């Protein structure tokens, strides 16, 4: 038995006054929030990883350019 928002006991099979199963929509909403959070984190982490690798490549390129160019005489 679970308690609904006014404190009276209900079972998972009971419905609210408008006929929709309340608990099914709560778990569906929670599942959707968790799913979209997971997808967002997946995308953000992959974009961040690509940007870090790009910055590392640029750092190595500029280091090589700096080493081969050397100091210029003033």
PDB file of N, CA and C in Angstrom:
ATOM      1  N   UNK A   1       0.833  -1.186   0.000  1.00  0.00           N
ATOM      2  CA  UNK A   1       0.000   0.000   0.000  1.00  0.00           C
ATOM      3  C   UNK A   1       0.878   1.250   0.000  1.00  0.00           C
ATOM      4  N   UNK A   2       0.480   2.227  -0.738  1.00  0.00           N
ATOM      5  CA  UNK A   2       1.172   3.505  -0.788  1.00  0.00           C
ATOM      6  C   UNK A   2       0.216   4.604  -0.330  1.00  0.00           C
ATOM      7  N   UNK A   3       0.775   5.718   0.063  1.00  0.00           N
ATOM      8  CA  UNK A   3      -0.059   6.853   0.455  1.00  0.00           C
ATOM      9  C   UNK A   3      -0.080   7.870  -0.667  1.00  0.00           C
ATOM     10  N   UNK A   4      -1.274   8.334  -1.033  1.00  0.00           N
ATOM     11  CA  UNK A   4      -1.330   9.371  -2.054  1.00  0.00           C
ATOM     12  C   UNK A   4      -1.142  10.739  -1.401  1.00  0.00           C
ATOM     13  N   UNK A   5      -1.357  11.797  -2.148  1.00  0.00           N
ATOM     14  CA  UNK A   5      -1.024  13.145  -1.678  1.00  0.00           C
ATOM     15  C   UNK A   5      -1.887  13.612  -0.518  1.00  0.00           C
ATOM     16  N   UNK A   6      -3.027  12.993  -0.227  1.00  0.00           N
ATOM     17  CA  UNK A   6      -3.819  13.409   0.944  1.00  0.00           C
ATOM     18  C   UNK A   6      -3.648  12.448   2.111  1.00  0.00           C
ATOM     19  N   UNK A   7      -2.832  11.398   1.933  1.00  0.00           N
ATOM     20  CA  UNK A   7      -2.523  10.521   3.038  1.00  0.00           C
ATOM     21  C   UNK A   7      -3.371   9.284   3.155  1.00  0.00           C
ATOM     22  N   UNK A   8      -4.338   9.069   2.268  1.00  0.00           N
ATOM     23  CA  UNK A   8      -5.144   7.857   2.361  1.00  0.00           C
ATOM     24  C   UNK A   8      -4.436   6.728   1.616  1.00  0.00           C
ATOM     25  N   UNK A   9      -4.543   5.504   2.121  1.00  0.00           N
ATOM     26  CA  UNK A   9      -3.821   4.409   1.474  1.00  0.00           C
ATOM     27  C   UNK A   9      -4.402   4.072   0.111  1.00  0.00           C
ATOM     28  N   UNK A  10      -3.525   3.840  -0.848  1.00  0.00           N
ATOM     29  CA  UNK A  10      -3.937   3.406  -2.182  1.00  0.00           C
ATOM     30  C   UNK A  10      -3.027   2.254  -2.590  1.00  0.00           C
ATOM     31  N   UNK A  11      -3.457   1.469  -3.541  1.00  0.00           N
ATOM     32  CA  UNK A  11      -2.601   0.419  -4.092  1.00  0.00           C
ATOM     33  C   UNK A  11      -2.128   0.882  -5.467  1.00  0.00           C
ATOM     34  N   UNK A  12      -1.162   0.151  -6.026  1.00  0.00           N
ATOM     35  CA  UNK A  12      -0.635   0.536  -7.334  1.00  0.00           C
ATOM     36  C   UNK A  12      -1.682   0.421  -8.428  1.00  0.00           C
ATOM     37  N   UNK A  13      -2.705  -0.393  -8.241  1.00  0.00           N
ATOM     38  CA  UNK A  13      -3.736  -0.553  -9.253  1.00  0.00           C
ATOM     39  C   UNK A  13      -4.800   0.536  -9.220  1.00  0.00           C
ATOM     40  N   UNK A  14      -4.875   1.288  -8.123  1.00  0.00           N
ATOM     41  CA  UNK A  14      -5.882   2.344  -8.023  1.00  0.00           C
ATOM     42  C   UNK A  14      -5.529   3.498  -8.955  1.00  0.00           C
ATOM     43  N   UNK A  15      -6.557   4.257  -9.309  1.00  0.00           N
ATOM     44  CA  UNK A  15      -6.351   5.413 -10.166  1.00  0.00           C
ATOM     45  C   UNK A  15      -6.840   6.645  -9.444  1.00  0.00           C
ATOM     46  N   UNK A  16      -6.399   7.794  -9.951  1.00  0.00           N
ATOM     47  CA  UNK A  16      -6.870   9.062  -9.388  1.00  0.00           C
ATOM     48  C   UNK A  16      -8.277   9.343  -9.910  1.00  0.00           C
ATOM     49  N   UNK A  17      -8.844  10.463  -9.519  1.00  0.00           N
ATOM     50  CA  UNK A  17     -10.229  10.772  -9.853  1.00  0.00           C
ATOM     51  C   UNK A  17     -10.446  10.884 -11.355  1.00  0.00           C
ATOM     52  N   UNK A  18      -9.445  11.342 -12.121  1.00  0.00           N
ATOM     53  CA  UNK A  18      -9.637  11.509 -13.564  1.00  0.00           C
ATOM     54  C   UNK A  18      -9.412  10.208 -14.342  1.00  0.00           C
ATOM     55  N   UNK A  19      -9.090   9.095 -13.651  1.00  0.00           N
ATOM     56  CA  UNK A  19      -8.976   7.806 -14.301  1.00  0.00           C
ATOM     57  C   UNK A  19      -7.589   7.429 -14.772  1.00  0.00           C
ATOM     58  N   UNK A  20      -6.590   8.289 -14.580  1.00  0.00           N
ATOM     59  CA  UNK A  20      -5.235   7.957 -15.012  1.00  0.00           C
ATOM     60  C   UNK A  20      -4.454   7.311 -13.873  1.00  0.00           C
ATOM     61  N   UNK A  21      -3.704   6.278 -14.149  1.00  0.00           N
ATOM     62  CA  UNK A  21      -2.898   5.670 -13.092  1.00  0.00           C
ATOM     63  C   UNK A  21      -1.766   6.616 -12.678  1.00  0.00           C
ATOM     64  N   UNK A  22      -1.791   7.021 -11.438  1.00  0.00           N
ATOM     65  CA  UNK A  22      -0.865   8.052 -10.936  1.00  0.00           C
ATOM     66  C   UNK A  22       0.574   7.563 -10.901  1.00  0.00           C
ATOM     67  N   UNK A  23       0.808   6.404 -10.329  1.00  0.00           N
ATOM     68  CA  UNK A  23       2.176   5.934 -10.144  1.00  0.00           C
ATOM     69  C   UNK A  23       2.871   5.639 -11.470  1.00  0.00           C
ATOM     70  N   UNK A  24       2.136   5.207 -12.464  1.00  0.00           N
ATOM     71  CA  UNK A  24       2.728   4.924 -13.759  1.00  0.00           C
ATOM     72  C   UNK A  24       3.310   6.199 -14.363  1.00  0.00           C
ATOM     73  N   UNK A  25       2.612   7.334 -14.205  1.00  0.00           N
ATOM     74  CA  UNK A  25       3.105   8.586 -14.762  1.00  0.00           C
ATOM     75  C   UNK A  25       4.273   9.139 -13.950  1.00  0.00           C
ATOM     76  N   UNK A  26       4.310   8.878 -12.657  1.00  0.00           N
ATOM     77  CA  UNK A  26       5.437   9.320 -11.842  1.00  0.00           C
ATOM     78  C   UNK A  26       6.700   8.595 -12.281  1.00  0.00           C
ATOM     79  N   UNK A  27       6.624   7.276 -12.426  1.00  0.00           N
ATOM     80  CA  UNK A  27       7.794   6.504 -12.823  1.00  0.00           C
ATOM     81  C   UNK A  27       8.182   6.786 -14.271  1.00  0.00           C
ATOM     82  N   UNK A  28       7.194   7.022 -15.126  1.00  0.00           N
ATOM     83  CA  UNK A  28       7.492   7.375 -16.516  1.00  0.00           C
ATOM     84  C   UNK A  28       8.212   8.719 -16.573  1.00  0.00           C
ATOM     85  N   UNK A  29       7.748   9.689 -15.810  1.00  0.00           N
ATOM     86  CA  UNK A  29       8.407  10.992 -15.769  1.00  0.00           C
ATOM     87  C   UNK A  29       9.824  10.899 -15.241  1.00  0.00           C
ATOM     88  N   UNK A  30      10.015  10.128 -14.186  1.00  0.00           N
ATOM     89  CA  UNK A  30      11.353   9.935 -13.632  1.00  0.00           C
ATOM     90  C   UNK A  30      12.271   9.250 -14.642  1.00  0.00           C
ATOM     91  N   UNK A  31      11.743   8.246 -15.331  1.00  0.00           N
ATOM     92  CA  UNK A  31      12.534   7.544 -16.343  1.00  0.00           C
ATOM     93  C   UNK A  31      12.925   8.480 -17.483  1.00  0.00           C
ATOM     94  N   UNK A  32      12.007   9.337 -17.914  1.00  0.00           N
ATOM     95  CA  UNK A  32      12.325  10.280 -18.992  1.00  0.00           C
ATOM     96  C   UNK A  32      13.372  11.294 -18.562  1.00  0.00           C
ATOM     97  N   UNK A  33      13.263  11.805 -17.350  1.00  0.00           N
ATOM     98  CA  UNK A  33      14.256  12.762 -16.848  1.00  0.00           C
ATOM     99  C   UNK A  33      15.634  12.107 -16.782  1.00  0.00           C
ATOM    100  N   UNK A  34      15.709  10.899 -16.256  1.00  0.00           N
ATOM    101  CA  UNK A  34      16.988  10.198 -16.170  1.00  0.00           C
ATOM    102  C   UNK A  34      17.549   9.878 -17.550  1.00  0.00           C
ATOM    103  N   UNK A  35      16.691   9.498 -18.483  1.00  0.00           N
ATOM    104  CA  UNK A  35      17.150   9.176 -19.839  1.00  0.00           C
ATOM    105  C   UNK A  35      17.736  10.401 -20.529  1.00  0.00           C
ATOM    106  N   UNK A  36      17.031  11.527 -20.480  1.00  0.00           N
ATOM    107  CA  UNK A  36      17.532  12.725 -21.157  1.00  0.00           C
ATOM    108  C   UNK A  36      18.767  13.291 -20.460  1.00  0.00           C
ATOM    109  N   UNK A  37      18.866  13.121 -19.156  1.00  0.00           N
ATOM    110  CA  UNK A  37      20.081  13.524 -18.446  1.00  0.00           C
ATOM    111  C   UNK A  37      21.253  12.670 -18.893  1.00  0.00           C
ATOM    112  N   UNK A  38      21.035  11.367 -19.049  1.00  0.00           N
ATOM    113  CA  UNK A  38      22.088  10.465 -19.499  1.00  0.00           C
ATOM    114  C   UNK A  38      22.531  10.810 -20.915  1.00  0.00           C
ATOM    115  N   UNK A  39      21.583  11.059 -21.812  1.00  0.00           N
ATOM    116  CA  UNK A  39      21.917  11.427 -23.196  1.00  0.00           C
ATOM    117  C   UNK A  39      22.689  12.743 -23.213  1.00  0.00           C
ATOM    118  N   UNK A  40      22.247  13.730 -22.437  1.00  0.00           N
ATOM    119  CA  UNK A  40      22.949  15.015 -22.394  1.00  0.00           C
ATOM    120  C   UNK A  40      24.368  14.873 -21.887  1.00  0.00           C
ATOM    121  N   UNK A  41      24.558  14.108 -20.837  1.00  0.00           N
ATOM    122  CA  UNK A  41      25.909  13.908 -20.299  1.00  0.00           C
ATOM    123  C   UNK A  41      26.778  13.153 -21.301  1.00  0.00           C
ATOM    124  N   UNK A  42      26.214  12.180 -21.985  1.00  0.00           N
ATOM    125  CA  UNK A  42      26.950  11.424 -22.994  1.00  0.00           C
ATOM    126  C   UNK A  42      27.468  12.352 -24.094  1.00  0.00           C
ATOM    127  N   UNK A  43      26.610  13.240 -24.571  1.00  0.00           N
ATOM    128  CA  UNK A  43      26.994  14.180 -25.636  1.00  0.00           C
ATOM    129  C   UNK A  43      28.030  15.178 -25.128  1.00  0.00           C
ATOM    130  N   UNK A  44      27.809  15.740 -23.952  1.00  0.00           N
ATOM    131  CA  UNK A  44      28.726  16.742 -23.411  1.00  0.00           C
ATOM    132  C   UNK A  44      30.109  16.151 -23.173  1.00  0.00           C
ATOM    133  N   UNK A  45      30.176  14.949 -22.637  1.00  0.00           N
ATOM    134  CA  UNK A  45      31.472  14.319 -22.360  1.00  0.00           C
ATOM    135  C   UNK A  45      32.225  14.047 -23.657  1.00  0.00           C
ATOM    136  N   UNK A  46      31.533  13.594 -24.700  1.00  0.00           N
ATOM    137  CA  UNK A  46      32.209  13.317 -25.959  1.00  0.00           C
ATOM    138  C   UNK A  46      32.682  14.601 -26.639  1.00  0.00           C
ATOM    139  N   UNK A  47      31.897  15.666 -26.562  1.00  0.00           N
ATOM    140  CA  UNK A  47      32.329  16.941 -27.136  1.00  0.00           C
ATOM    141  C   UNK A  47      33.522  17.486 -26.363  1.00  0.00           C
ATOM    142  N   UNK A  48      33.487  17.401 -25.036  1.00  0.00           N
ATOM    143  CA  UNK A  48      34.601  17.879 -24.223  1.00  0.00           C
ATOM    144  C   UNK A  48      35.864  17.073 -24.505  1.00  0.00           C
ATOM    145  N   UNK A  49      35.742  15.766 -24.668  1.00  0.00           N
ATOM    146  CA  UNK A  49      36.902  14.929 -24.969  1.00  0.00           C
ATOM    147  C   UNK A  49      37.501  15.307 -26.316  1.00  0.00           C
ATOM    148  N   UNK A  50      36.667  15.564 -27.299  1.00  0.00           N
ATOM    149  CA  UNK A  50      37.163  15.964 -28.620  1.00  0.00           C
ATOM    150  C   UNK A  50      37.876  17.314 -28.540  1.00  0.00           C
ATOM    151  N   UNK A  51      37.322  18.247 -27.767  1.00  0.00           N
ATOM    152  CA  UNK A  51      37.956  19.557 -27.642  1.00  0.00           C
ATOM    153  C   UNK A  51      39.281  19.471 -26.908  1.00  0.00           C
ATOM    154  N   UNK A  52      39.388  18.628 -25.907  1.00  0.00           N
ATOM    155  CA  UNK A  52      40.649  18.462 -25.189  1.00  0.00           C
ATOM    156  C   UNK A  52      41.710  17.887 -26.126  1.00  0.00           C
ATOM    157  N   UNK A  53      41.339  16.908 -26.933  1.00  0.00           N
ATOM    158  CA  UNK A  53      42.306  16.347 -27.882  1.00  0.00           C
ATOM    159  C   UNK A  53      42.725  17.386 -28.922  1.00  0.00           C
ATOM    160  N   UNK A  54      41.795  18.194 -29.369  1.00  0.00           N
ATOM    161  CA  UNK A  54      42.126  19.256 -30.318  1.00  0.00           C
ATOM    162  C   UNK A  54      43.096  20.256 -29.698  1.00  0.00           C
ATOM    163  N   UNK A  55      42.873  20.635 -28.449  1.00  0.00           N
ATOM    164  CA  UNK A  55      43.788  21.557 -27.768  1.00  0.00           C
ATOM    165  C   UNK A  55      45.169  20.937 -27.587  1.00  0.00           C
ATOM    166  N   UNK A  56      45.227  19.659 -27.276  1.00  0.00           N
ATOM    167  CA  UNK A  56      46.522  18.986 -27.146  1.00  0.00           C
ATOM    168  C   UNK A  56      47.270  18.962 -28.476  1.00  0.00           C
ATOM    169  N   UNK A  57      46.589  18.696 -29.553  1.00  0.00           N
ATOM    170  CA  UNK A  57      47.218  18.684 -30.876  1.00  0.00           C
ATOM    171  C   UNK A  57      47.733  20.077 -31.219  1.00  0.00           C
ATOM    172  N   UNK A  58      46.931  21.109 -30.963  1.00  0.00           N
ATOM    173  CA  UNK A  58      47.377  22.480 -31.234  1.00  0.00           C
ATOM    174  C   UNK A  58      48.585  22.853 -30.381  1.00  0.00           C
ATOM    175  N   UNK A  59      48.608  22.417 -29.130  1.00  0.00           N
ATOM    176  CA  UNK A  59      49.742  22.716 -28.256  1.00  0.00           C
ATOM    177  C   UNK A  59      51.015  22.067 -28.789  1.00  0.00           C
ATOM    178  N   UNK A  60      50.920  20.830 -29.251  1.00  0.00           N
ATOM    179  CA  UNK A  60      52.097  20.150 -29.798  1.00  0.00           C
ATOM    180  C   UNK A  60      52.560  20.830 -31.086  1.00  0.00           C
ATOM    181  N   UNK A  61      51.626  21.212 -31.942  1.00  0.00           N
ATOM    182  CA  UNK A  61      51.982  21.896 -33.190  1.00  0.00           C
ATOM    183  C   UNK A  61      52.695  23.208 -32.885  1.00  0.00           C
ATOM    184  N   UNK A  62      52.175  24.009 -31.988  1.00  0.00           N
ATOM    185  CA  UNK A  62      52.809  25.289 -31.666  1.00  0.00           C
ATOM    186  C   UNK A  62      54.152  25.097 -30.970  1.00  0.00           C
ATOM    187  N   UNK A  63      54.288  24.049 -30.181  1.00  0.00           N
ATOM    188  CA  UNK A  63      55.576  23.757 -29.553  1.00  0.00           C
ATOM    189  C   UNK A  63      56.621  23.401 -30.609  1.00  0.00           C
ATOM    190  N   UNK A  64      56.248  22.577 -31.566  1.00  0.00           N
ATOM    191  CA  UNK A  64      57.169  22.214 -32.644  1.00  0.00           C
ATOM    192  C   UNK A  64      57.546  23.443 -33.464  1.00  0.00           C
ATOM    193  N   UNK A  65      56.590  24.283 -33.790  1.00  0.00           N
ATOM    194  CA  UNK A  65      56.875  25.523 -34.528  1.00  0.00           C
ATOM    195  C   UNK A  65      57.833  26.395 -33.729  1.00  0.00           C
ATOM    196  N   UNK A  66      57.598  26.517 -32.443  1.00  0.00           N
ATOM    197  CA  UNK A  66      58.466  27.331 -31.585  1.00  0.00           C
ATOM    198  C   UNK A  66      59.884  26.756 -31.536  1.00  0.00           C
ATOM    199  N   UNK A  67      60.016  25.445 -31.444  1.00  0.00           N
ATOM    200  CA  UNK A  67      61.352  24.826 -31.372  1.00  0.00           C
ATOM    201  C   UNK A  67      62.111  24.968 -32.677  1.00  0.00           C
ATOM    202  N   UNK A  68      61.447  24.831 -33.812  1.00  0.00           N
ATOM    203  CA  UNK A  68      62.128  24.942 -35.097  1.00  0.00           C
ATOM    204  C   UNK A  68      62.413  26.392 -35.472  1.00  0.00           C
ATOM    205  N   UNK A  69      61.555  27.297 -35.050  1.00  0.00           N
ATOM    206  CA  UNK A  69      61.739  28.701 -35.385  1.00  0.00           C
ATOM    207  C   UNK A  69      62.885  29.301 -34.578  1.00  0.00           C
ATOM    208  N   UNK A  70      62.969  28.970 -33.327  1.00  0.00           N
ATOM    209  CA  UNK A  70      64.028  29.461 -32.470  1.00  0.00           C
ATOM    210  C   UNK A  70      63.906  30.961 -32.197  1.00  0.00           C
ATOM    211  N   UNK A  71      64.916  31.497 -31.525  1.00  0.00           N
ATOM    212  CA  UNK A  71      64.917  32.940 -31.233  1.00  0.00           C
ATOM    213  C   UNK A  71      65.448  33.702 -32.439  1.00  0.00           C
ATOM    214  N   UNK A  72      64.865  34.825 -32.660  1.00  0.00           N
ATOM    215  CA  UNK A  72      65.342  35.707 -33.737  1.00  0.00           C
ATOM    216  C   UNK A  72      66.306  36.717 -33.164  1.00  0.00           C
ATOM    217  N   UNK A  73      67.285  37.060 -33.911  1.00  0.00           N
ATOM    218  CA  UNK A  73      68.254  38.090 -33.455  1.00  0.00           C
ATOM    219  C   UNK A  73      67.590  39.445 -33.555  1.00  0.00           C
ATOM    220  N   UNK A  74      67.776  40.245 -32.527  1.00  0.00           N
ATOM    221  CA  UNK A  74      67.156  41.567 -32.504  1.00  0.00           C
ATOM    222  C   UNK A  74      67.932  42.591 -33.281  1.00  0.00           C
TER     223      UNK A  74
END
